[in-house]
């Protein structure tokens, strides 16, 4: 469970970084 939550947060952070880079 802890692994899944950490991976989900890492994917979200990467997505936010890509979105900010596009801006």
PDB file of N, CA and C in Angstrom:
ATOM      1  N   UNK A   1       0.849  -1.204   0.000  1.00  0.00           N
ATOM      2  CA  UNK A   1       0.000   0.000   0.000  1.00  0.00           C
ATOM      3  C   UNK A   1       0.887   1.258   0.000  1.00  0.00           C
ATOM      4  N   UNK A   2       1.889   1.216   0.808  1.00  0.00           N
ATOM      5  CA  UNK A   2       2.791   2.410   0.868  1.00  0.00           C
ATOM      6  C   UNK A   2       3.484   2.606  -0.485  1.00  0.00           C
ATOM      7  N   UNK A   3       3.851   1.501  -1.094  1.00  0.00           N
ATOM      8  CA  UNK A   3       4.554   1.614  -2.404  1.00  0.00           C
ATOM      9  C   UNK A   3       3.610   2.220  -3.448  1.00  0.00           C
ATOM     10  N   UNK A   4       2.375   1.770  -3.438  1.00  0.00           N
ATOM     11  CA  UNK A   4       1.432   2.292  -4.458  1.00  0.00           C
ATOM     12  C   UNK A   4       1.199   3.791  -4.239  1.00  0.00           C
ATOM     13  N   UNK A   5       1.017   4.183  -3.030  1.00  0.00           N
ATOM     14  CA  UNK A   5       0.786   5.632  -2.747  1.00  0.00           C
ATOM     15  C   UNK A   5       2.004   6.446  -3.168  1.00  0.00           C
ATOM     16  N   UNK A   6       3.159   5.932  -2.929  1.00  0.00           N
ATOM     17  CA  UNK A   6       4.402   6.736  -3.276  1.00  0.00           C
ATOM     18  C   UNK A   6       4.505   6.804  -4.798  1.00  0.00           C
ATOM     19  N   UNK A   7       4.215   5.741  -5.444  1.00  0.00           N
ATOM     20  CA  UNK A   7       4.357   5.779  -6.932  1.00  0.00           C
ATOM     21  C   UNK A   7       3.304   6.747  -7.501  1.00  0.00           C
ATOM     22  N   UNK A   8       2.144   6.722  -6.941  1.00  0.00           N
ATOM     23  CA  UNK A   8       1.078   7.617  -7.475  1.00  0.00           C
ATOM     24  C   UNK A   8       1.495   9.083  -7.277  1.00  0.00           C
ATOM     25  N   UNK A   9       2.060   9.353  -6.148  1.00  0.00           N
ATOM     26  CA  UNK A   9       2.471  10.783  -5.861  1.00  0.00           C
ATOM     27  C   UNK A   9       3.623  11.132  -6.801  1.00  0.00           C
ATOM     28  N   UNK A  10       4.471  10.224  -7.045  1.00  0.00           N
ATOM     29  CA  UNK A  10       5.672  10.540  -7.938  1.00  0.00           C
ATOM     30  C   UNK A  10       5.140  10.800  -9.354  1.00  0.00           C
ATOM     31  N   UNK A  11       4.171  10.019  -9.762  1.00  0.00           N
ATOM     32  CA  UNK A  11       3.651  10.240 -11.135  1.00  0.00           C
ATOM     33  C   UNK A  11       2.954  11.610 -11.190  1.00  0.00           C
ATOM     34  N   UNK A  12       2.245  11.928 -10.149  1.00  0.00           N
ATOM     35  CA  UNK A  12       1.540  13.232 -10.159  1.00  0.00           C
ATOM     36  C   UNK A  12       2.555  14.375 -10.171  1.00  0.00           C
ATOM     37  N   UNK A  13       3.597  14.227  -9.407  1.00  0.00           N
ATOM     38  CA  UNK A  13       4.614  15.314  -9.367  1.00  0.00           C
ATOM     39  C   UNK A  13       5.258  15.456 -10.745  1.00  0.00           C
ATOM     40  N   UNK A  14       5.519  14.347 -11.379  1.00  0.00           N
ATOM     41  CA  UNK A  14       6.171  14.422 -12.717  1.00  0.00           C
ATOM     42  C   UNK A  14       5.195  15.087 -13.698  1.00  0.00           C
ATOM     43  N   UNK A  15       3.940  14.758 -13.566  1.00  0.00           N
ATOM     44  CA  UNK A  15       2.934  15.343 -14.483  1.00  0.00           C
ATOM     45  C   UNK A  15       2.871  16.860 -14.254  1.00  0.00           C
ATOM     46  N   UNK A  16       2.909  17.267 -13.031  1.00  0.00           N
ATOM     47  CA  UNK A  16       2.845  18.728 -12.727  1.00  0.00           C
ATOM     48  C   UNK A  16       4.084  19.413 -13.302  1.00  0.00           C
ATOM     49  N   UNK A  17       5.194  18.756 -13.215  1.00  0.00           N
ATOM     50  CA  UNK A  17       6.462  19.403 -13.734  1.00  0.00           C
ATOM     51  C   UNK A  17       6.334  19.532 -15.252  1.00  0.00           C
ATOM     52  N   UNK A  18       5.794  18.530 -15.867  1.00  0.00           N
ATOM     53  CA  UNK A  18       5.683  18.614 -17.348  1.00  0.00           C
ATOM     54  C   UNK A  18       4.677  19.722 -17.704  1.00  0.00           C
ATOM     55  N   UNK A  19       3.635  19.813 -16.954  1.00  0.00           N
ATOM     56  CA  UNK A  19       2.615  20.851 -17.259  1.00  0.00           C
ATOM     57  C   UNK A  19       3.238  22.239 -17.082  1.00  0.00           C
ATOM     58  N   UNK A  20       4.029  22.394 -16.069  1.00  0.00           N
ATOM     59  CA  UNK A  20       4.658  23.734 -15.799  1.00  0.00           C
ATOM     60  C   UNK A  20       5.679  24.001 -16.910  1.00  0.00           C
ATOM     61  N   UNK A  21       6.331  23.007 -17.350  1.00  0.00           N
ATOM     62  CA  UNK A  21       7.356  23.223 -18.412  1.00  0.00           C
ATOM     63  C   UNK A  21       6.633  23.657 -19.700  1.00  0.00           C
ATOM     64  N   UNK A  22       5.468  23.098 -19.935  1.00  0.00           N
ATOM     65  CA  UNK A  22       4.733  23.461 -21.172  1.00  0.00           C
ATOM     66  C   UNK A  22       4.288  24.927 -21.080  1.00  0.00           C
ATOM     67  N   UNK A  23       3.968  25.346 -19.884  1.00  0.00           N
ATOM     68  CA  UNK A  23       3.498  26.734 -19.719  1.00  0.00           C
ATOM     69  C   UNK A  23       4.635  27.662 -20.075  1.00  0.00           C
TER      70      UNK A  23
END
